Amino acid sequence: MTFDEAILPKELQMLKAFLPFLPASTQKMLAIYIKWVEFQKTIEYFSQNTPVQQSPDVGNLMKCLKGVLPPQEQAQMEQFTDIFENMDMYREMFEGFSSAFTPDEKEEHT
């Protein structure tokens, strides 16, 4: 869920979506009104809720970006995520393999 979804009523989210389709003379005042309400809702939200920091885990980051990024950029981010997850897996595997030998055993095998 995005921050906008958490604080803004659906009606205001719809107004934001329709804003470019309204008469040009109406857009400026309505945009200012929307931002004003967003500001008020943000103050209200943080006065009632303690901020909580999400884990900087790549999975959490991907969930947050999924609704914001265009599909092509989402695919690229998922590819990078897969690469980094596999790198961690291989690192752990090789660390486990290399730690299976104590220094004395390494000398006996060489």
Protein backbone atom coordinates (compact mmCIF):
# COMPACT_ATOMS: atom_id res chain seq x y z
CA MET A 1 0.00 0.00 0.00
CA THR A 2 1.37 3.40 -0.90
CA PHE A 3 1.32 6.32 1.48
CA ASP A 4 -1.32 8.03 -0.71
CA GLU A 5 -3.55 4.99 -0.39
CA ALA A 6 -3.10 4.99 3.38
CA ILE A 7 -4.06 8.61 3.93
CA LEU A 8 -6.26 9.72 1.05
CA PRO A 9 -9.93 8.88 0.63
CA LYS A 10 -10.80 7.14 -2.64
CA GLU A 11 -12.69 10.22 -3.79
CA LEU A 12 -9.56 12.34 -3.59
CA GLN A 13 -7.50 9.67 -5.36
CA MET A 14 -10.10 9.70 -8.15
CA LEU A 15 -9.94 13.51 -8.38
CA LYS A 16 -6.16 13.24 -8.81
CA ALA A 17 -6.65 10.75 -11.63
CA PHE A 18 -9.28 12.89 -13.38
CA LEU A 19 -7.44 16.18 -12.95
CA PRO A 20 -5.88 16.27 -16.46
CA PHE A 21 -9.30 15.71 -18.03
CA LEU A 22 -11.01 18.62 -16.33
CA PRO A 23 -11.26 22.09 -17.87
CA ALA A 24 -7.95 23.94 -17.74
CA SER A 25 -9.50 26.76 -15.72
CA THR A 26 -10.49 24.27 -12.99
CA GLN A 27 -7.27 22.24 -12.84
CA LYS A 28 -5.10 24.74 -10.96
CA MET A 29 -7.53 25.41 -8.11
CA LEU A 30 -8.48 21.74 -7.79
CA ALA A 31 -4.81 20.67 -7.75
CA ILE A 32 -4.12 23.18 -4.96
CA TYR A 33 -7.16 21.91 -3.04
CA ILE A 34 -5.98 18.29 -3.44
CA LYS A 35 -2.50 19.14 -2.18
CA TRP A 36 -3.97 21.04 0.76
CA VAL A 37 -6.11 18.07 1.77
CA GLU A 38 -3.11 15.74 1.33
CA PHE A 39 -1.11 17.99 3.65
CA GLN A 40 -3.89 17.99 6.27
CA LYS A 41 -4.30 14.19 6.02
CA THR A 42 -0.53 13.70 6.38
CA ILE A 43 -0.44 15.79 9.57
CA GLU A 44 -3.48 13.92 10.88
CA TYR A 45 -1.95 10.53 10.02
CA PHE A 46 1.34 11.20 11.83
CA SER A 47 -0.38 12.70 14.84
CA GLN A 48 -2.30 9.43 15.25
CA ASN A 49 0.36 6.92 14.07
CA THR A 50 3.95 6.46 15.11
CA PRO A 51 6.22 6.16 12.06
CA VAL A 52 7.56 2.64 11.55
CA GLN A 53 10.62 1.96 9.43
CA GLN A 54 10.26 -1.00 7.12
CA SER A 55 13.06 -3.50 6.84
CA PRO A 56 15.41 -2.48 4.02
CA ASP A 57 14.98 -5.97 2.60
CA VAL A 58 14.96 -6.11 -1.19
CA GLY A 59 11.61 -7.93 -1.14
CA ASN A 60 9.99 -5.11 0.84
CA LEU A 61 11.47 -2.54 -1.51
CA MET A 62 10.14 -4.42 -4.54
CA LYS A 63 6.64 -4.56 -3.04
CA CYS A 64 6.68 -0.80 -2.54
CA LEU A 65 7.97 -0.06 -6.03
CA LYS A 66 5.76 -2.55 -7.84
CA GLY A 67 2.78 -0.23 -8.18
CA VAL A 68 4.90 2.79 -9.04
CA LEU A 69 7.39 1.56 -11.64
CA PRO A 70 6.44 0.96 -15.28
CA PRO A 71 6.33 -2.76 -16.22
CA GLN A 72 9.70 -2.73 -18.02
CA GLU A 73 11.47 -1.19 -15.03
CA GLN A 74 9.68 -3.64 -12.70
CA ALA A 75 11.10 -6.51 -14.76
CA GLN A 76 14.61 -5.06 -14.54
CA MET A 77 14.31 -4.62 -10.77
CA GLU A 78 13.12 -8.22 -10.40
CA GLN A 79 16.11 -9.43 -12.44
CA PHE A 80 18.51 -7.52 -10.18
CA THR A 81 16.73 -8.90 -7.13
CA ASP A 82 17.13 -12.45 -8.43
CA ILE A 83 20.82 -11.87 -9.14
CA PHE A 84 21.48 -10.53 -5.64
CA GLU A 85 19.48 -13.33 -4.00
CA ASN A 86 21.46 -15.91 -5.96
CA MET A 87 24.75 -14.20 -5.08
CA ASP A 88 23.88 -14.45 -1.38
CA MET A 89 22.96 -18.11 -1.78
CA TYR A 90 26.24 -18.93 -3.56
CA ARG A 91 28.27 -16.94 -1.01
CA GLU A 92 26.65 -18.85 1.86
CA MET A 93 27.19 -22.15 0.06
CA PHE A 94 30.88 -21.48 -0.55
CA GLU A 95 31.41 -20.16 2.97
CA GLY A 96 29.86 -23.33 4.32
CA PHE A 97 32.00 -25.46 2.04
CA SER A 98 35.24 -23.68 2.89
CA SER A 99 34.51 -23.73 6.63
CA ALA A 100 33.98 -27.50 6.45
CA PHE A 101 37.76 -27.84 6.47
CA THR A 102 39.72 -26.72 9.49
CA PRO A 103 43.19 -25.30 8.85
CA ASP A 104 44.74 -28.64 9.89
CA GLU A 105 42.55 -30.62 7.51
CA LYS A 106 43.35 -28.27 4.61
CA GLU A 107 47.06 -29.01 5.06
CA GLU A 108 46.40 -32.78 5.04
CA HIS A 109 44.41 -32.56 1.75
CA THR A 110 47.04 -30.50 -0.08
